[in-house]
Amino acid sequence: MKTGTKNLDSDRIISLYNEALLSITEIALKLNTSETTIWRKLMSAGISCNHTTGYDLDIPQIISLYVNQKLSCGEIAKQLGVHLKTINKRLRKLGLIRSRSEAAKLSYENGKSPAYKTGQGNPGWKGGKHLDHKGYITVLVRRLNRSLYVPEHILVWEKTHNCPVPKGYVIHHLNGIKIDNRPENLSCLPKKKHDELIPEMAKKIRMLEIENEQLREALKDSQMILNFGEN
């Protein structure tokens, strides 16, 4: 909630403007109020200051700075002495705002280090894979002319069977392990049958896999003993 005009200390505003040399935008942010309120307080105290409010902006100038000179919203806001949100709002209303990827690309072309980097340029890039809130692995792919995360088990099943998942069907992990996306662990089932599937089935499959692994280890050990005895 922004601070009301009556609760503002005019002497403090004047001190911040004249002595601390803060801009109207910086004072407004510091005191949690609007830029126009700070501007009016200073004008009432007889202090003349150049400040552009959100209502008297030169729209053609903003368009020229943004489109022709390719300045960022932050650079335009600083040049015109207004808040970043004010410039963003005007450009969005005009339908000119750049996407994050476009802004990052432009910054790179201008020899700057963009705050936001997409894809492999982002420090948080993890190879396009992500573990969602349900515990499934999702993969960043290009679909319907846009990038989006798709469950990996669906991609694996579709690639294995060379067809999309039929409508009304879901891909089920036979052993109940959501991150085990081996083709042999995936089964395409009608959603109703999947919802009725007894969890005991997944439990039994996991037990069989454990037993198989134990048998393989035992067989490996016995072969080592046999080889040792032959030597």
Protein backbone atom coordinates (compact mmCIF):
# COMPACT_ATOMS: atom_id res chain seq x y z
CA MET A 1 0.00 0.00 0.00
CA LYS A 2 1.37 3.40 -1.01
CA THR A 3 1.91 6.14 1.58
CA GLY A 4 -0.72 8.90 1.54
CA THR A 5 0.18 12.51 0.75
CA LYS A 6 -0.70 13.72 4.27
CA ASN A 7 1.74 11.28 5.88
CA LEU A 8 4.72 12.44 3.80
CA ASP A 9 7.41 14.62 5.37
CA SER A 10 8.08 17.51 2.97
CA ASP A 11 11.39 18.37 4.65
CA ARG A 12 12.62 14.81 4.14
CA ILE A 13 11.59 14.86 0.47
CA ILE A 14 13.45 18.15 -0.06
CA SER A 15 16.51 16.75 1.72
CA LEU A 16 16.51 13.59 -0.39
CA TYR A 17 16.19 15.66 -3.57
CA ASN A 18 18.65 18.48 -2.81
CA GLU A 19 21.19 16.85 -0.50
CA ALA A 20 21.08 13.12 -1.26
CA LEU A 21 20.60 14.00 -4.96
CA LEU A 22 18.02 11.25 -5.46
CA SER A 23 15.74 11.41 -8.49
CA ILE A 24 11.98 11.77 -8.13
CA THR A 25 11.60 8.11 -9.11
CA GLU A 26 14.10 6.99 -6.45
CA ILE A 27 12.41 9.11 -3.77
CA ALA A 28 8.99 7.72 -4.72
CA LEU A 29 10.29 4.16 -4.42
CA LYS A 30 12.03 4.91 -1.11
CA LEU A 31 8.92 6.48 0.44
CA ASN A 32 6.50 4.01 -1.18
CA THR A 33 4.44 6.63 -2.98
CA SER A 34 3.86 7.85 -6.54
CA GLU A 35 6.27 9.96 -8.57
CA THR A 36 3.53 12.54 -9.21
CA THR A 37 3.05 12.97 -5.44
CA ILE A 38 6.76 13.66 -4.93
CA TRP A 39 6.81 16.06 -7.89
CA ARG A 40 3.83 18.01 -6.48
CA LYS A 41 5.43 18.20 -3.02
CA LEU A 42 8.63 19.65 -4.50
CA MET A 43 6.71 22.12 -6.67
CA SER A 44 4.67 23.22 -3.62
CA ALA A 45 7.95 23.87 -1.77
CA GLY A 46 9.03 26.15 -4.61
CA ILE A 47 11.55 23.70 -6.04
CA SER A 48 11.45 23.62 -9.82
CA CYS A 49 12.24 20.17 -11.17
CA ASN A 50 12.01 18.61 -14.59
CA HIS A 51 9.93 15.49 -14.30
CA THR A 52 7.74 13.76 -16.85
CA THR A 53 4.63 12.15 -15.39
CA GLY A 54 2.93 9.12 -16.86
CA TYR A 55 0.20 11.35 -18.31
CA ASP A 56 2.29 13.79 -20.39
CA LEU A 57 4.76 11.42 -21.99
CA ASP A 58 5.77 12.03 -25.59
CA ILE A 59 4.56 8.76 -27.14
CA PRO A 60 6.29 9.29 -30.54
CA GLN A 61 9.55 9.91 -28.64
CA ILE A 62 9.14 6.64 -26.69
CA ILE A 63 8.45 4.74 -29.93
CA SER A 64 11.51 6.29 -31.58
CA LEU A 65 13.77 5.45 -28.61
CA TYR A 66 12.43 1.90 -28.39
CA VAL A 67 12.05 0.97 -32.08
CA ASN A 68 14.64 3.09 -33.90
CA GLN A 69 17.36 3.53 -31.27
CA LYS A 70 16.58 0.08 -29.79
CA LEU A 71 16.93 1.28 -26.19
CA SER A 72 15.66 -0.95 -23.40
CA CYS A 73 12.65 0.02 -21.24
CA GLY A 74 15.04 0.74 -18.35
CA GLU A 75 17.20 3.02 -20.51
CA ILE A 76 14.15 4.94 -21.76
CA ALA A 77 12.76 5.31 -18.23
CA LYS A 78 16.09 6.68 -17.01
CA GLN A 79 16.36 9.11 -19.92
CA LEU A 80 12.81 10.46 -19.47
CA GLY A 81 12.91 10.46 -15.65
CA VAL A 82 9.97 8.12 -15.13
CA HIS A 83 9.44 4.72 -13.54
CA LEU A 84 10.24 1.57 -15.53
CA LYS A 85 6.64 0.35 -15.09
CA THR A 86 5.35 3.50 -16.78
CA ILE A 87 7.36 2.80 -19.95
CA ASN A 88 6.42 -0.88 -19.88
CA LYS A 89 2.73 -0.01 -19.57
CA ARG A 90 2.86 2.44 -22.50
CA LEU A 91 4.70 0.02 -24.79
CA ARG A 92 2.39 -2.88 -23.92
CA LYS A 93 -0.62 -0.70 -24.71
CA LEU A 94 0.96 0.09 -28.08
CA GLY A 95 1.69 -3.61 -28.68
CA LEU A 96 5.41 -2.98 -29.06
CA ILE A 97 6.90 -4.68 -26.01
CA ARG A 98 9.69 -7.15 -26.82
CA SER A 99 9.70 -10.72 -25.60
CA ARG A 100 12.43 -11.76 -23.16
CA SER A 101 14.26 -13.72 -25.83
CA GLU A 102 14.15 -10.74 -28.24
CA ALA A 103 15.43 -8.40 -25.52
CA ALA A 104 18.24 -10.83 -24.65
CA LYS A 105 19.23 -11.19 -28.31
CA LEU A 106 19.23 -7.41 -28.81
CA SER A 107 21.39 -6.91 -25.72
CA TYR A 108 23.84 -9.49 -27.02
CA GLU A 109 23.99 -7.79 -30.43
CA ASN A 110 24.65 -4.45 -28.72
CA GLY A 111 27.59 -5.94 -26.84
CA LYS A 112 25.80 -5.96 -23.49
CA SER A 113 25.38 -8.76 -21.00
CA PRO A 114 21.62 -9.31 -20.73
CA ALA A 115 20.14 -9.99 -17.31
CA TYR A 116 17.93 -12.69 -18.87
CA LYS A 117 19.38 -15.34 -21.14
CA THR A 118 17.41 -18.09 -22.79
CA GLY A 119 18.33 -21.70 -23.50
CA GLN A 120 21.93 -22.72 -23.07
CA GLY A 121 22.93 -19.11 -22.36
CA ASN A 122 21.05 -19.20 -19.06
CA PRO A 123 23.20 -20.18 -16.01
CA GLY A 124 20.34 -22.38 -14.82
CA TRP A 125 20.24 -24.41 -18.06
CA LYS A 126 19.94 -28.12 -17.30
CA GLY A 127 19.96 -29.58 -20.78
CA GLY A 128 16.29 -28.82 -21.38
CA LYS A 129 15.07 -31.30 -18.77
CA HIS A 130 13.02 -30.50 -15.69
CA LEU A 131 11.42 -32.50 -12.87
CA ASP A 132 7.84 -31.27 -12.48
CA HIS A 133 5.79 -31.04 -9.27
CA LYS A 134 4.30 -34.51 -9.91
CA GLY A 135 7.72 -36.17 -10.10
CA TYR A 136 7.79 -36.69 -13.88
CA ILE A 137 10.73 -35.73 -16.10
CA THR A 138 9.74 -33.12 -18.68
CA VAL A 139 11.71 -32.12 -21.77
CA LEU A 140 11.80 -28.78 -23.56
CA VAL A 141 10.62 -29.30 -27.15
CA ARG A 142 9.20 -27.22 -30.00
CA ARG A 143 5.49 -27.88 -30.55
CA LEU A 144 2.72 -25.81 -32.12
CA ASN A 145 5.28 -23.15 -33.07
CA ARG A 146 6.31 -22.57 -29.47
CA SER A 147 8.67 -24.07 -26.91
CA LEU A 148 7.09 -25.99 -24.07
CA TYR A 149 7.88 -28.76 -21.60
CA VAL A 150 6.43 -32.18 -22.47
CA PRO A 151 6.59 -35.29 -20.22
CA GLU A 152 9.54 -37.41 -21.32
CA HIS A 153 7.62 -40.69 -20.99
CA ILE A 154 5.14 -39.46 -23.62
CA LEU A 155 7.95 -38.49 -26.00
CA VAL A 156 9.68 -41.87 -25.52
CA TRP A 157 6.46 -43.84 -26.12
CA GLU A 158 5.56 -41.80 -29.23
CA LYS A 159 9.06 -42.21 -30.67
CA THR A 160 9.08 -45.96 -29.96
CA HIS A 161 5.65 -46.55 -31.55
CA ASN A 162 5.96 -43.83 -34.19
CA CYS A 163 2.53 -42.37 -33.42
CA PRO A 164 0.94 -39.90 -30.98
CA VAL A 165 -0.75 -41.06 -27.78
CA PRO A 166 -4.39 -41.89 -28.71
CA LYS A 167 -7.09 -39.60 -27.35
CA GLY A 168 -8.37 -40.79 -23.98
CA TYR A 169 -5.23 -42.84 -23.30
CA VAL A 170 -2.37 -42.25 -20.85
CA ILE A 171 1.18 -43.60 -20.60
CA HIS A 172 1.68 -45.75 -17.51
CA HIS A 173 4.98 -46.65 -15.80
CA LEU A 174 4.69 -50.40 -15.23
CA ASN A 175 7.05 -50.50 -12.23
CA GLY A 176 5.57 -47.36 -10.69
CA ILE A 177 8.84 -45.41 -10.97
CA LYS A 178 7.96 -42.12 -12.65
CA ILE A 179 11.49 -41.32 -13.82
CA ASP A 180 12.11 -44.74 -15.36
CA ASN A 181 11.28 -43.92 -18.97
CA ARG A 182 12.70 -47.00 -20.66
CA PRO A 183 10.42 -48.06 -23.55
CA GLU A 184 9.86 -51.48 -21.95
CA ASN A 185 8.59 -49.78 -18.77
CA LEU A 186 5.92 -47.75 -20.57
CA SER A 187 2.43 -48.93 -21.42
CA CYS A 188 -0.39 -47.07 -23.17
CA LEU A 189 -3.69 -47.61 -21.34
CA PRO A 190 -7.19 -46.13 -21.49
CA LYS A 191 -7.44 -43.46 -18.79
CA LYS A 192 -10.31 -45.26 -17.03
CA LYS A 193 -8.33 -48.52 -16.86
CA HIS A 194 -5.24 -46.64 -15.70
CA ASP A 195 -7.19 -44.97 -12.88
CA GLU A 196 -8.53 -48.35 -11.79
CA LEU A 197 -5.09 -50.00 -11.94
CA ILE A 198 -4.23 -51.62 -8.61
CA PRO A 199 -0.98 -50.22 -7.10
CA GLU A 200 -0.13 -53.79 -6.12
CA MET A 201 0.67 -54.45 -9.80
CA ALA A 202 3.46 -51.86 -9.81
CA LYS A 203 4.73 -53.22 -6.49
CA LYS A 204 4.98 -56.76 -7.87
CA ILE A 205 6.86 -55.57 -10.95
CA ARG A 206 9.35 -53.68 -8.79
CA MET A 207 9.87 -56.80 -6.65
CA LEU A 208 10.51 -58.88 -9.79
CA GLU A 209 13.04 -56.33 -11.02
CA ILE A 210 14.85 -56.43 -7.67
CA GLU A 211 14.90 -60.24 -7.77
CA ASN A 212 16.25 -60.17 -11.33
CA GLU A 213 18.99 -57.76 -10.30
CA GLN A 214 19.91 -59.97 -7.33
CA LEU A 215 20.02 -63.05 -9.59
CA ARG A 216 22.29 -61.21 -12.05
CA GLU A 217 24.63 -60.21 -9.22
CA ALA A 218 24.64 -63.77 -7.86
CA LEU A 219 25.38 -65.17 -11.32
CA LYS A 220 28.22 -62.67 -11.75
CA ASP A 221 29.69 -63.67 -8.37
CA SER A 222 29.46 -67.39 -9.19
CA GLN A 223 31.21 -66.84 -12.53
CA MET A 224 34.01 -64.98 -10.76
CA ILE A 225 34.41 -67.85 -8.28
CA LEU A 226 34.42 -70.36 -11.15
CA ASN A 227 37.08 -68.43 -13.03
CA PHE A 228 39.16 -68.12 -9.89
CA GLY A 229 38.96 -71.89 -9.29
CA GLU A 230 40.04 -72.65 -12.85
CA ASN A 231 43.16 -70.52 -12.38
